[in-house]
């Protein structure tokens, strides 16, 4: 089992539009072979109500994927197409990092 983790940082001004986009994006991602479930969270170590940290909102999305082969297929054949709309819509108001984790113990 694999976790594909995507951490995004967004400017507060795009939050409503981004939330709508991400909701649909997640549903589309779950259509790919091997994508089993997802968790979407707000990173609390960067709270929205902290007056010293209003430049970026941090989200983390974790996709549980059946196998490394399923993830590699997605990355090779679909990732660029799935990422492009966010780049087009949000430009430099969005930053993303990704990690791949193997589940060793449930």
PDB file of N, CA and C in Angstrom:
ATOM      1  N   UNK A   1       0.853  -1.177   0.000  1.00  0.00           N
ATOM      2  CA  UNK A   1       0.000   0.000   0.000  1.00  0.00           C
ATOM      3  C   UNK A   1       0.898   1.239   0.000  1.00  0.00           C
ATOM      4  N   UNK A   2       0.478   2.251  -0.744  1.00  0.00           N
ATOM      5  CA  UNK A   2       1.244   3.478  -0.914  1.00  0.00           C
ATOM      6  C   UNK A   2       0.389   4.674  -0.496  1.00  0.00           C
ATOM      7  N   UNK A   3       1.033   5.655   0.103  1.00  0.00           N
ATOM      8  CA  UNK A   3       0.408   6.958   0.332  1.00  0.00           C
ATOM      9  C   UNK A   3       1.105   7.955  -0.585  1.00  0.00           C
ATOM     10  N   UNK A   4       0.312   8.638  -1.392  1.00  0.00           N
ATOM     11  CA  UNK A   4       0.810   9.720  -2.239  1.00  0.00           C
ATOM     12  C   UNK A   4       0.323  11.007  -1.588  1.00  0.00           C
ATOM     13  N   UNK A   5       1.248  11.765  -1.047  1.00  0.00           N
ATOM     14  CA  UNK A   5       0.922  12.945  -0.251  1.00  0.00           C
ATOM     15  C   UNK A   5       1.258  14.209  -1.034  1.00  0.00           C
ATOM     16  N   UNK A   6       0.285  15.081  -1.136  1.00  0.00           N
ATOM     17  CA  UNK A   6       0.469  16.356  -1.822  1.00  0.00           C
ATOM     18  C   UNK A   6       0.183  17.469  -0.819  1.00  0.00           C
ATOM     19  N   UNK A   7       1.187  18.289  -0.562  1.00  0.00           N
ATOM     20  CA  UNK A   7       1.019  19.433   0.318  1.00  0.00           C
ATOM     21  C   UNK A   7       0.968  20.674  -0.563  1.00  0.00           C
ATOM     22  N   UNK A   8      -0.088  21.449  -0.404  1.00  0.00           N
ATOM     23  CA  UNK A   8      -0.209  22.683  -1.175  1.00  0.00           C
ATOM     24  C   UNK A   8      -0.223  23.869  -0.237  1.00  0.00           C
ATOM     25  N   UNK A   9       0.336  24.953  -0.729  1.00  0.00           N
ATOM     26  CA  UNK A   9       0.294  26.238  -0.054  1.00  0.00           C
ATOM     27  C   UNK A   9      -0.421  27.180  -1.003  1.00  0.00           C
ATOM     28  N   UNK A  10      -1.455  27.831  -0.501  1.00  0.00           N
ATOM     29  CA  UNK A  10      -2.227  28.754  -1.344  1.00  0.00           C
ATOM     30  C   UNK A  10      -2.331  30.111  -0.659  1.00  0.00           C
ATOM     31  N   UNK A  11      -2.490  31.121  -1.461  1.00  0.00           N
ATOM     32  CA  UNK A  11      -2.755  32.460  -0.931  1.00  0.00           C
ATOM     33  C   UNK A  11      -4.208  32.505  -0.466  1.00  0.00           C
ATOM     34  N   UNK A  12      -4.470  33.152   0.652  1.00  0.00           N
ATOM     35  CA  UNK A  12      -5.848  33.216   1.161  1.00  0.00           C
ATOM     36  C   UNK A  12      -6.862  33.762   0.158  1.00  0.00           C
ATOM     37  N   UNK A  13      -6.449  34.658  -0.722  1.00  0.00           N
ATOM     38  CA  UNK A  13      -7.373  35.276  -1.673  1.00  0.00           C
ATOM     39  C   UNK A  13      -7.984  34.252  -2.641  1.00  0.00           C
ATOM     40  N   UNK A  14      -7.335  33.117  -2.849  1.00  0.00           N
ATOM     41  CA  UNK A  14      -7.874  32.114  -3.787  1.00  0.00           C
ATOM     42  C   UNK A  14      -8.541  30.943  -3.080  1.00  0.00           C
ATOM     43  N   UNK A  15      -8.653  30.992  -1.757  1.00  0.00           N
ATOM     44  CA  UNK A  15      -9.116  29.828  -0.997  1.00  0.00           C
ATOM     45  C   UNK A  15     -10.465  29.290  -1.476  1.00  0.00           C
ATOM     46  N   UNK A  16     -11.451  30.124  -1.617  1.00  0.00           N
ATOM     47  CA  UNK A  16     -12.768  29.627  -2.020  1.00  0.00           C
ATOM     48  C   UNK A  16     -12.719  28.962  -3.391  1.00  0.00           C
ATOM     49  N   UNK A  17     -12.073  29.616  -4.346  1.00  0.00           N
ATOM     50  CA  UNK A  17     -11.967  29.050  -5.693  1.00  0.00           C
ATOM     51  C   UNK A  17     -11.140  27.770  -5.676  1.00  0.00           C
ATOM     52  N   UNK A  18     -10.064  27.759  -4.911  1.00  0.00           N
ATOM     53  CA  UNK A  18      -9.212  26.577  -4.833  1.00  0.00           C
ATOM     54  C   UNK A  18      -9.951  25.402  -4.200  1.00  0.00           C
ATOM     55  N   UNK A  19     -10.713  25.674  -3.136  1.00  0.00           N
ATOM     56  CA  UNK A  19     -11.467  24.604  -2.484  1.00  0.00           C
ATOM     57  C   UNK A  19     -12.441  23.942  -3.459  1.00  0.00           C
ATOM     58  N   UNK A  20     -13.098  24.736  -4.274  1.00  0.00           N
ATOM     59  CA  UNK A  20     -14.015  24.185  -5.284  1.00  0.00           C
ATOM     60  C   UNK A  20     -13.231  23.343  -6.280  1.00  0.00           C
ATOM     61  N   UNK A  21     -12.122  23.897  -6.765  1.00  0.00           N
ATOM     62  CA  UNK A  21     -11.304  23.170  -7.740  1.00  0.00           C
ATOM     63  C   UNK A  21     -10.778  21.869  -7.131  1.00  0.00           C
ATOM     64  N   UNK A  22     -10.246  21.927  -5.900  1.00  0.00           N
ATOM     65  CA  UNK A  22      -9.647  20.751  -5.278  1.00  0.00           C
ATOM     66  C   UNK A  22     -10.685  19.669  -5.013  1.00  0.00           C
ATOM     67  N   UNK A  23     -11.883  20.046  -4.627  1.00  0.00           N
ATOM     68  CA  UNK A  23     -12.941  19.059  -4.405  1.00  0.00           C
ATOM     69  C   UNK A  23     -13.175  18.232  -5.662  1.00  0.00           C
ATOM     70  N   UNK A  24     -13.279  18.897  -6.804  1.00  0.00           N
ATOM     71  CA  UNK A  24     -13.478  18.176  -8.066  1.00  0.00           C
ATOM     72  C   UNK A  24     -12.228  17.397  -8.458  1.00  0.00           C
ATOM     73  N   UNK A  25     -11.062  17.995  -8.253  1.00  0.00           N
ATOM     74  CA  UNK A  25      -9.801  17.335  -8.586  1.00  0.00           C
ATOM     75  C   UNK A  25      -9.664  16.016  -7.823  1.00  0.00           C
ATOM     76  N   UNK A  26      -9.989  16.033  -6.552  1.00  0.00           N
ATOM     77  CA  UNK A  26      -9.916  14.816  -5.737  1.00  0.00           C
ATOM     78  C   UNK A  26     -10.848  13.745  -6.295  1.00  0.00           C
ATOM     79  N   UNK A  27     -12.062  14.126  -6.641  1.00  0.00           N
ATOM     80  CA  UNK A  27     -12.995  13.148  -7.220  1.00  0.00           C
ATOM     81  C   UNK A  27     -12.434  12.560  -8.508  1.00  0.00           C
ATOM     82  N   UNK A  28     -11.821  13.395  -9.332  1.00  0.00           N
ATOM     83  CA  UNK A  28     -11.214  12.913 -10.576  1.00  0.00           C
ATOM     84  C   UNK A  28     -10.044  11.975 -10.284  1.00  0.00           C
ATOM     85  N   UNK A  29      -9.248  12.284  -9.289  1.00  0.00           N
ATOM     86  CA  UNK A  29      -8.106  11.435  -8.939  1.00  0.00           C
ATOM     87  C   UNK A  29      -8.562  10.045  -8.498  1.00  0.00           C
ATOM     88  N   UNK A  30      -9.665   9.993  -7.787  1.00  0.00           N
ATOM     89  CA  UNK A  30     -10.149   8.711  -7.286  1.00  0.00           C
ATOM     90  C   UNK A  30     -10.672   7.802  -8.404  1.00  0.00           C
ATOM     91  N   UNK A  31     -10.763   8.309  -9.617  1.00  0.00           N
ATOM     92  CA  UNK A  31     -11.163   7.497 -10.761  1.00  0.00           C
ATOM     93  C   UNK A  31      -9.998   6.683 -11.334  1.00  0.00           C
ATOM     94  N   UNK A  32      -8.766   7.024 -10.975  1.00  0.00           N
ATOM     95  CA  UNK A  32      -7.618   6.310 -11.518  1.00  0.00           C
ATOM     96  C   UNK A  32      -7.471   4.948 -10.855  1.00  0.00           C
ATOM     97  N   UNK A  33      -7.009   3.996 -11.648  1.00  0.00           N
ATOM     98  CA  UNK A  33      -6.811   2.626 -11.179  1.00  0.00           C
ATOM     99  C   UNK A  33      -5.911   2.624  -9.944  1.00  0.00           C
ATOM    100  N   UNK A  34      -6.364   1.933  -8.920  1.00  0.00           N
ATOM    101  CA  UNK A  34      -5.573   1.765  -7.712  1.00  0.00           C
ATOM    102  C   UNK A  34      -5.747   2.837  -6.660  1.00  0.00           C
ATOM    103  N   UNK A  35      -6.368   3.969  -7.015  1.00  0.00           N
ATOM    104  CA  UNK A  35      -6.594   5.033  -6.030  1.00  0.00           C
ATOM    105  C   UNK A  35      -7.811   4.637  -5.193  1.00  0.00           C
ATOM    106  N   UNK A  36      -7.586   4.373  -3.924  1.00  0.00           N
ATOM    107  CA  UNK A  36      -8.615   3.776  -3.077  1.00  0.00           C
ATOM    108  C   UNK A  36      -9.387   4.774  -2.232  1.00  0.00           C
ATOM    109  N   UNK A  37      -8.679   5.728  -1.654  1.00  0.00           N
ATOM    110  CA  UNK A  37      -9.331   6.689  -0.762  1.00  0.00           C
ATOM    111  C   UNK A  37      -8.447   7.915  -0.627  1.00  0.00           C
ATOM    112  N   UNK A  38      -9.001   8.927   0.053  1.00  0.00           N
ATOM    113  CA  UNK A  38      -8.278  10.181   0.208  1.00  0.00           C
ATOM    114  C   UNK A  38      -8.623  10.805   1.554  1.00  0.00           C
ATOM    115  N   UNK A  39      -7.657  11.538   2.088  1.00  0.00           N
ATOM    116  CA  UNK A  39      -7.882  12.410   3.242  1.00  0.00           C
ATOM    117  C   UNK A  39      -7.369  13.787   2.864  1.00  0.00           C
ATOM    118  N   UNK A  40      -8.168  14.798   3.166  1.00  0.00           N
ATOM    119  CA  UNK A  40      -7.801  16.184   2.856  1.00  0.00           C
ATOM    120  C   UNK A  40      -7.853  16.949   4.161  1.00  0.00           C
ATOM    121  N   UNK A  41      -6.757  17.590   4.522  1.00  0.00           N
ATOM    122  CA  UNK A  41      -6.728  18.307   5.784  1.00  0.00           C
ATOM    123  C   UNK A  41      -6.063  19.661   5.687  1.00  0.00           C
ATOM    124  N   UNK A  42      -6.389  20.488   6.646  1.00  0.00           N
ATOM    125  CA  UNK A  42      -5.764  21.793   6.828  1.00  0.00           C
ATOM    126  C   UNK A  42      -4.634  21.614   7.831  1.00  0.00           C
ATOM    127  N   UNK A  43      -3.445  22.048   7.501  1.00  0.00           N
ATOM    128  CA  UNK A  43      -2.299  21.914   8.398  1.00  0.00           C
ATOM    129  C   UNK A  43      -2.449  22.897   9.554  1.00  0.00           C
ATOM    130  N   UNK A  44      -2.603  22.387  10.749  1.00  0.00           N
ATOM    131  CA  UNK A  44      -2.851  23.232  11.916  1.00  0.00           C
ATOM    132  C   UNK A  44      -1.592  23.878  12.461  1.00  0.00           C
ATOM    133  N   UNK A  45      -0.430  23.425  12.036  1.00  0.00           N
ATOM    134  CA  UNK A  45       0.785  24.084  12.496  1.00  0.00           C
ATOM    135  C   UNK A  45       1.002  25.399  11.752  1.00  0.00           C
ATOM    136  N   UNK A  46       0.059  25.748  10.874  1.00  0.00           N
ATOM    137  CA  UNK A  46       0.046  27.036  10.184  1.00  0.00           C
ATOM    138  C   UNK A  46      -1.384  27.574  10.258  1.00  0.00           C
ATOM    139  N   UNK A  47      -1.889  27.844  11.481  1.00  0.00           N
ATOM    140  CA  UNK A  47      -3.307  28.189  11.626  1.00  0.00           C
ATOM    141  C   UNK A  47      -3.695  29.474  10.903  1.00  0.00           C
ATOM    142  N   UNK A  48      -4.923  29.447  10.407  1.00  0.00           N
ATOM    143  CA  UNK A  48      -5.432  30.594   9.661  1.00  0.00           C
ATOM    144  C   UNK A  48      -5.590  31.830  10.527  1.00  0.00           C
ATOM    145  N   UNK A  49      -5.839  31.630  11.816  1.00  0.00           N
ATOM    146  CA  UNK A  49      -6.088  32.789  12.676  1.00  0.00           C
ATOM    147  C   UNK A  49      -4.810  33.335  13.303  1.00  0.00           C
ATOM    148  N   UNK A  50      -3.662  32.832  12.900  1.00  0.00           N
ATOM    149  CA  UNK A  50      -2.397  33.356  13.404  1.00  0.00           C
ATOM    150  C   UNK A  50      -2.066  34.639  12.636  1.00  0.00           C
ATOM    151  N   UNK A  51      -2.084  35.788  13.288  1.00  0.00           N
ATOM    152  CA  UNK A  51      -1.857  37.056  12.578  1.00  0.00           C
ATOM    153  C   UNK A  51      -0.463  37.167  11.980  1.00  0.00           C
ATOM    154  N   UNK A  52       0.457  36.353  12.437  1.00  0.00           N
ATOM    155  CA  UNK A  52       1.818  36.385  11.907  1.00  0.00           C
ATOM    156  C   UNK A  52       2.009  35.464  10.710  1.00  0.00           C
ATOM    157  N   UNK A  53       0.978  34.744  10.326  1.00  0.00           N
ATOM    158  CA  UNK A  53       1.137  33.746   9.278  1.00  0.00           C
ATOM    159  C   UNK A  53      -0.053  33.791   8.324  1.00  0.00           C
ATOM    160  N   UNK A  54      -0.289  34.931   7.729  1.00  0.00           N
ATOM    161  CA  UNK A  54      -1.454  35.096   6.867  1.00  0.00           C
ATOM    162  C   UNK A  54      -1.115  35.026   5.383  1.00  0.00           C
ATOM    163  N   UNK A  55       0.137  34.790   5.046  1.00  0.00           N
ATOM    164  CA  UNK A  55       0.530  34.786   3.645  1.00  0.00           C
ATOM    165  C   UNK A  55       0.106  33.530   2.902  1.00  0.00           C
ATOM    166  N   UNK A  56       0.106  32.380   3.576  1.00  0.00           N
ATOM    167  CA  UNK A  56      -0.182  31.107   2.919  1.00  0.00           C
ATOM    168  C   UNK A  56      -1.072  30.238   3.802  1.00  0.00           C
ATOM    169  N   UNK A  57      -1.939  29.485   3.168  1.00  0.00           N
ATOM    170  CA  UNK A  57      -2.736  28.448   3.821  1.00  0.00           C
ATOM    171  C   UNK A  57      -2.164  27.123   3.336  1.00  0.00           C
ATOM    172  N   UNK A  58      -1.948  26.189   4.258  1.00  0.00           N
ATOM    173  CA  UNK A  58      -1.355  24.894   3.909  1.00  0.00           C
ATOM    174  C   UNK A  58      -2.404  23.792   4.004  1.00  0.00           C
ATOM    175  N   UNK A  59      -2.536  23.048   2.927  1.00  0.00           N
ATOM    176  CA  UNK A  59      -3.392  21.862   2.889  1.00  0.00           C
ATOM    177  C   UNK A  59      -2.526  20.634   2.664  1.00  0.00           C
ATOM    178  N   UNK A  60      -3.014  19.511   3.122  1.00  0.00           N
ATOM    179  CA  UNK A  60      -2.364  18.241   2.819  1.00  0.00           C
ATOM    180  C   UNK A  60      -3.423  17.258   2.350  1.00  0.00           C
ATOM    181  N   UNK A  61      -3.152  16.648   1.207  1.00  0.00           N
ATOM    182  CA  UNK A  61      -4.039  15.629   0.653  1.00  0.00           C
ATOM    183  C   UNK A  61      -3.239  14.338   0.582  1.00  0.00           C
ATOM    184  N   UNK A  62      -3.798  13.279   1.161  1.00  0.00           N
ATOM    185  CA  UNK A  62      -3.148  11.977   1.136  1.00  0.00           C
ATOM    186  C   UNK A  62      -4.046  10.984   0.408  1.00  0.00           C
ATOM    187  N   UNK A  63      -3.517  10.451  -0.686  1.00  0.00           N
ATOM    188  CA  UNK A  63      -4.221   9.427  -1.456  1.00  0.00           C
ATOM    189  C   UNK A  63      -3.669   8.065  -1.065  1.00  0.00           C
ATOM    190  N   UNK A  64      -4.544   7.151  -0.714  1.00  0.00           N
ATOM    191  CA  UNK A  64      -4.127   5.777  -0.471  1.00  0.00           C
ATOM    192  C   UNK A  64      -4.254   5.039  -1.802  1.00  0.00           C
ATOM    193  N   UNK A  65      -3.152   4.389  -2.209  1.00  0.00           N
ATOM    194  CA  UNK A  65      -3.082   3.751  -3.519  1.00  0.00           C
ATOM    195  C   UNK A  65      -2.700   2.291  -3.332  1.00  0.00           C
ATOM    196  N   UNK A  66      -3.322   1.430  -4.110  1.00  0.00           N
ATOM    197  CA  UNK A  66      -3.146  -0.007  -3.978  1.00  0.00           C
ATOM    198  C   UNK A  66      -1.687  -0.450  -4.106  1.00  0.00           C
ATOM    199  N   UNK A  67      -0.971   0.081  -5.097  1.00  0.00           N
ATOM    200  CA  UNK A  67       0.394  -0.403  -5.328  1.00  0.00           C
ATOM    201  C   UNK A  67       1.286   0.696  -5.900  1.00  0.00           C
ATOM    202  N   UNK A  68       2.569   0.476  -5.827  1.00  0.00           N
ATOM    203  CA  UNK A  68       3.536   1.398  -6.420  1.00  0.00           C
ATOM    204  C   UNK A  68       3.362   1.434  -7.937  1.00  0.00           C
ATOM    205  N   UNK A  69       3.029   0.291  -8.546  1.00  0.00           N
ATOM    206  CA  UNK A  69       2.787   0.249  -9.995  1.00  0.00           C
ATOM    207  C   UNK A  69       1.624   1.151 -10.390  1.00  0.00           C
ATOM    208  N   UNK A  70       0.560   1.152  -9.600  1.00  0.00           N
ATOM    209  CA  UNK A  70      -0.579   2.037  -9.894  1.00  0.00           C
ATOM    210  C   UNK A  70      -0.156   3.496  -9.819  1.00  0.00           C
ATOM    211  N   UNK A  71       0.639   3.849  -8.817  1.00  0.00           N
ATOM    212  CA  UNK A  71       1.118   5.225  -8.703  1.00  0.00           C
ATOM    213  C   UNK A  71       2.034   5.572  -9.873  1.00  0.00           C
ATOM    214  N   UNK A  72       2.946   4.691 -10.222  1.00  0.00           N
ATOM    215  CA  UNK A  72       3.862   4.958 -11.336  1.00  0.00           C
ATOM    216  C   UNK A  72       3.095   5.148 -12.644  1.00  0.00           C
ATOM    217  N   UNK A  73       2.043   4.364 -12.835  1.00  0.00           N
ATOM    218  CA  UNK A  73       1.221   4.530 -14.038  1.00  0.00           C
ATOM    219  C   UNK A  73       0.588   5.922 -14.049  1.00  0.00           C
ATOM    220  N   UNK A  74       0.035   6.323 -12.917  1.00  0.00           N
ATOM    221  CA  UNK A  74      -0.542   7.670 -12.818  1.00  0.00           C
ATOM    222  C   UNK A  74       0.514   8.740 -13.111  1.00  0.00           C
ATOM    223  N   UNK A  75       1.672   8.647 -12.470  1.00  0.00           N
ATOM    224  CA  UNK A  75       2.710   9.666 -12.630  1.00  0.00           C
ATOM    225  C   UNK A  75       3.210   9.745 -14.076  1.00  0.00           C
ATOM    226  N   UNK A  76       3.322   8.608 -14.727  1.00  0.00           N
ATOM    227  CA  UNK A  76       3.831   8.561 -16.095  1.00  0.00           C
ATOM    228  C   UNK A  76       2.811   9.044 -17.120  1.00  0.00           C
ATOM    229  N   UNK A  77       1.550   8.671 -16.925  1.00  0.00           N
ATOM    230  CA  UNK A  77       0.545   8.891 -17.975  1.00  0.00           C
ATOM    231  C   UNK A  77      -0.468  10.000 -17.693  1.00  0.00           C
ATOM    232  N   UNK A  78      -0.621  10.416 -16.438  1.00  0.00           N
ATOM    233  CA  UNK A  78      -1.728  11.328 -16.129  1.00  0.00           C
ATOM    234  C   UNK A  78      -1.353  12.560 -15.305  1.00  0.00           C
ATOM    235  N   UNK A  79      -0.255  12.507 -14.566  1.00  0.00           N
ATOM    236  CA  UNK A  79       0.047  13.568 -13.595  1.00  0.00           C
ATOM    237  C   UNK A  79       0.146  14.952 -14.228  1.00  0.00           C
ATOM    238  N   UNK A  80       0.861  15.072 -15.324  1.00  0.00           N
ATOM    239  CA  UNK A  80       1.034  16.392 -15.946  1.00  0.00           C
ATOM    240  C   UNK A  80      -0.308  16.994 -16.345  1.00  0.00           C
ATOM    241  N   UNK A  81      -1.174  16.170 -16.916  1.00  0.00           N
ATOM    242  CA  UNK A  81      -2.497  16.649 -17.337  1.00  0.00           C
ATOM    243  C   UNK A  81      -3.360  17.043 -16.135  1.00  0.00           C
ATOM    244  N   UNK A  82      -3.226  16.318 -15.040  1.00  0.00           N
ATOM    245  CA  UNK A  82      -4.027  16.615 -13.855  1.00  0.00           C
ATOM    246  C   UNK A  82      -3.527  17.863 -13.119  1.00  0.00           C
ATOM    247  N   UNK A  83      -2.241  18.149 -13.214  1.00  0.00           N
ATOM    248  CA  UNK A  83      -1.672  19.309 -12.520  1.00  0.00           C
ATOM    249  C   UNK A  83      -1.856  20.614 -13.289  1.00  0.00           C
ATOM    250  N   UNK A  84      -1.926  20.546 -14.599  1.00  0.00           N
ATOM    251  CA  UNK A  84      -1.934  21.746 -15.430  1.00  0.00           C
ATOM    252  C   UNK A  84      -3.082  22.714 -15.139  1.00  0.00           C
ATOM    253  N   UNK A  85      -4.311  22.235 -14.925  1.00  0.00           N
ATOM    254  CA  UNK A  85      -5.392  23.195 -14.649  1.00  0.00           C
ATOM    255  C   UNK A  85      -5.129  24.073 -13.421  1.00  0.00           C
ATOM    256  N   UNK A  86      -4.528  23.504 -12.376  1.00  0.00           N
ATOM    257  CA  UNK A  86      -4.219  24.314 -11.187  1.00  0.00           C
ATOM    258  C   UNK A  86      -3.156  25.357 -11.513  1.00  0.00           C
ATOM    259  N   UNK A  87      -2.186  24.978 -12.308  1.00  0.00           N
ATOM    260  CA  UNK A  87      -1.147  25.928 -12.719  1.00  0.00           C
ATOM    261  C   UNK A  87      -1.779  27.056 -13.523  1.00  0.00           C
ATOM    262  N   UNK A  88      -2.663  26.701 -14.447  1.00  0.00           N
ATOM    263  CA  UNK A  88      -3.322  27.703 -15.287  1.00  0.00           C
ATOM    264  C   UNK A  88      -4.220  28.629 -14.477  1.00  0.00           C
ATOM    265  N   UNK A  89      -4.970  28.076 -13.524  1.00  0.00           N
ATOM    266  CA  UNK A  89      -5.917  28.866 -12.739  1.00  0.00           C
ATOM    267  C   UNK A  89      -5.250  29.729 -11.669  1.00  0.00           C
ATOM    268  N   UNK A  90      -4.255  29.177 -10.987  1.00  0.00           N
ATOM    269  CA  UNK A  90      -3.754  29.818  -9.776  1.00  0.00           C
ATOM    270  C   UNK A  90      -2.328  30.351  -9.878  1.00  0.00           C
ATOM    271  N   UNK A  91      -1.590  29.923 -10.864  1.00  0.00           N
ATOM    272  CA  UNK A  91      -0.243  30.438 -11.094  1.00  0.00           C
ATOM    273  C   UNK A  91       0.618  30.443  -9.845  1.00  0.00           C
ATOM    274  N   UNK A  92       1.224  31.596  -9.555  1.00  0.00           N
ATOM    275  CA  UNK A  92       2.147  31.686  -8.429  1.00  0.00           C
ATOM    276  C   UNK A  92       1.448  31.881  -7.080  1.00  0.00           C
ATOM    277  N   UNK A  93       0.123  31.781  -7.073  1.00  0.00           N
ATOM    278  CA  UNK A  93      -0.622  31.828  -5.811  1.00  0.00           C
ATOM    279  C   UNK A  93      -0.765  30.434  -5.203  1.00  0.00           C
ATOM    280  N   UNK A  94      -0.140  29.448  -5.844  1.00  0.00           N
ATOM    281  CA  UNK A  94      -0.196  28.059  -5.415  1.00  0.00           C
ATOM    282  C   UNK A  94       1.203  27.457  -5.511  1.00  0.00           C
ATOM    283  N   UNK A  95       1.596  26.740  -4.456  1.00  0.00           N
ATOM    284  CA  UNK A  95       2.843  25.978  -4.461  1.00  0.00           C
ATOM    285  C   UNK A  95       2.509  24.568  -3.990  1.00  0.00           C
ATOM    286  N   UNK A  96       3.204  23.575  -4.539  1.00  0.00           N
ATOM    287  CA  UNK A  96       2.917  22.188  -4.157  1.00  0.00           C
ATOM    288  C   UNK A  96       4.207  21.390  -4.007  1.00  0.00           C
ATOM    289  N   UNK A  97       4.183  20.504  -3.036  1.00  0.00           N
ATOM    290  CA  UNK A  97       5.238  19.511  -2.869  1.00  0.00           C
ATOM    291  C   UNK A  97       4.575  18.148  -2.737  1.00  0.00           C
ATOM    292  N   UNK A  98       5.329  17.106  -3.091  1.00  0.00           N
ATOM    293  CA  UNK A  98       4.768  15.758  -3.084  1.00  0.00           C
ATOM    294  C   UNK A  98       5.739  14.796  -2.423  1.00  0.00           C
ATOM    295  N   UNK A  99       5.154  13.787  -1.738  1.00  0.00           N
ATOM    296  CA  UNK A  99       5.953  12.711  -1.139  1.00  0.00           C
ATOM    297  C   UNK A  99       5.250  11.392  -1.405  1.00  0.00           C
ATOM    298  N   UNK A 100       6.038  10.350  -1.442  1.00  0.00           N
ATOM    299  CA  UNK A 100       5.516   9.001  -1.621  1.00  0.00           C
ATOM    300  C   UNK A 100       5.952   8.197  -0.409  1.00  0.00           C
ATOM    301  N   UNK A 101       4.987   7.576   0.267  1.00  0.00           N
ATOM    302  CA  UNK A 101       5.279   6.780   1.451  1.00  0.00           C
ATOM    303  C   UNK A 101       4.766   5.366   1.236  1.00  0.00           C
ATOM    304  N   UNK A 102       5.523   4.417   1.682  1.00  0.00           N
ATOM    305  CA  UNK A 102       5.074   3.026   1.672  1.00  0.00           C
ATOM    306  C   UNK A 102       4.573   2.681   3.069  1.00  0.00           C
ATOM    307  N   UNK A 103       3.377   2.132   3.143  1.00  0.00           N
ATOM    308  CA  UNK A 103       2.815   1.743   4.433  1.00  0.00           C
ATOM    309  C   UNK A 103       3.475   0.415   4.861  1.00  0.00           C
ATOM    310  N   UNK A 104       4.153   0.459   5.983  1.00  0.00           N
ATOM    311  CA  UNK A 104       4.826  -0.732   6.480  1.00  0.00           C
ATOM    312  C   UNK A 104       3.982  -1.496   7.490  1.00  0.00           C
ATOM    313  N   UNK A 105       3.144  -0.744   8.186  1.00  0.00           N
ATOM    314  CA  UNK A 105       2.289  -1.382   9.198  1.00  0.00           C
ATOM    315  C   UNK A 105       0.964  -0.621   9.231  1.00  0.00           C
ATOM    316  N   UNK A 106      -0.124  -1.335   9.065  1.00  0.00           N
ATOM    317  CA  UNK A 106      -1.426  -0.619   9.034  1.00  0.00           C
ATOM    318  C   UNK A 106      -1.815  -0.012  10.378  1.00  0.00           C
TER     319      UNK A 106
END
